[in-house]
Amino acid sequence: MAEYIKRESKVKKIELPEDYDKVQVSINNWGHLTVRFFNGDEPNKDVLIVFDIHTTRKIVGFIQSISRGYMI
């Protein structure tokens, strides 16, 4: 099961339904990293997380650094 944590002044854990068994990761046409969770039987019911460009660059940079064998 996938989950994400929404942080404010307190931590609020939000769980995705267990039947959201598919995940897609992509870069949209604005250059933002997107992560989509959905049920293969009902692809129109989904949860989409879109990161801003600054966060996208941080995540992509981190992935590139570990793929080269070292950390930033």
Protein backbone atom coordinates (compact mmCIF):
# COMPACT_ATOMS: atom_id res chain seq x y z
CA MET A 1 0.00 0.00 0.00
CA ALA A 2 1.28 3.49 -0.81
CA GLU A 3 0.89 6.40 1.53
CA TYR A 4 2.02 9.97 1.87
CA ILE A 5 2.33 12.21 4.89
CA LYS A 6 0.93 15.72 4.86
CA ARG A 7 2.88 17.87 7.32
CA GLU A 8 1.60 21.06 8.85
CA SER A 9 2.03 22.01 12.48
CA LYS A 10 1.21 18.37 13.23
CA VAL A 11 1.73 15.24 11.16
CA LYS A 12 -1.39 13.95 9.46
CA LYS A 13 -1.05 10.56 7.81
CA ILE A 14 -3.29 10.01 4.80
CA GLU A 15 -3.56 6.46 3.50
CA LEU A 16 -4.43 5.60 -0.06
CA PRO A 17 -7.00 2.86 -0.62
CA GLU A 18 -5.45 -0.59 -0.85
CA ASP A 19 -6.91 -1.13 -4.32
CA TYR A 20 -4.74 1.69 -5.73
CA ASP A 21 -2.31 -0.89 -7.05
CA LYS A 22 -0.79 1.04 -9.96
CA VAL A 23 1.75 3.88 -9.89
CA GLN A 24 2.91 6.15 -12.71
CA VAL A 25 5.82 8.57 -12.39
CA SER A 26 6.43 11.20 -15.05
CA ILE A 27 7.59 14.72 -15.83
CA ASN A 28 4.73 16.85 -17.13
CA ASN A 29 5.07 19.36 -19.97
CA TRP A 30 5.91 22.12 -17.43
CA GLY A 31 8.84 20.07 -16.13
CA HIS A 32 7.17 19.08 -12.86
CA LEU A 33 7.55 15.59 -11.41
CA THR A 34 4.18 13.87 -11.08
CA VAL A 35 3.29 10.69 -9.22
CA ARG A 36 -0.09 9.09 -9.92
CA PHE A 37 -1.66 6.32 -7.83
CA PHE A 38 -4.68 4.53 -9.26
CA ASN A 39 -6.68 1.34 -9.48
CA GLY A 40 -6.08 -0.55 -12.74
CA ASP A 41 -9.81 -1.33 -13.00
CA GLU A 42 -10.87 2.31 -12.48
CA PRO A 43 -8.08 4.48 -13.92
CA ASN A 44 -10.21 7.66 -13.75
CA LYS A 45 -10.26 7.44 -9.94
CA ASP A 46 -6.75 8.47 -8.98
CA VAL A 47 -4.57 10.45 -6.61
CA LEU A 48 -2.07 12.76 -8.29
CA ILE A 49 0.89 14.40 -6.57
CA VAL A 50 2.55 17.18 -8.57
CA PHE A 51 5.81 18.62 -7.24
CA ASP A 52 6.85 22.20 -7.94
CA ILE A 53 9.88 22.81 -10.18
CA HIS A 54 12.25 23.43 -7.25
CA THR A 55 11.30 20.17 -5.56
CA THR A 56 11.41 18.33 -8.89
CA ARG A 57 14.98 19.49 -9.45
CA LYS A 58 15.99 18.38 -5.95
CA ILE A 59 14.46 14.91 -6.44
CA VAL A 60 15.92 14.45 -9.93
CA GLY A 61 19.34 15.64 -8.72
CA PHE A 62 19.21 13.18 -5.85
CA ILE A 63 18.30 10.29 -8.16
CA GLN A 64 21.11 11.26 -10.56
CA SER A 65 23.62 11.38 -7.71
CA ILE A 66 22.75 7.93 -6.39
CA SER A 67 22.77 6.50 -9.91
CA ARG A 68 26.38 7.71 -10.19
CA GLY A 69 27.16 5.90 -6.94
CA TYR A 70 27.42 8.75 -4.46
CA MET A 71 25.24 11.09 -2.45
CA ILE A 72 24.95 14.90 -2.84
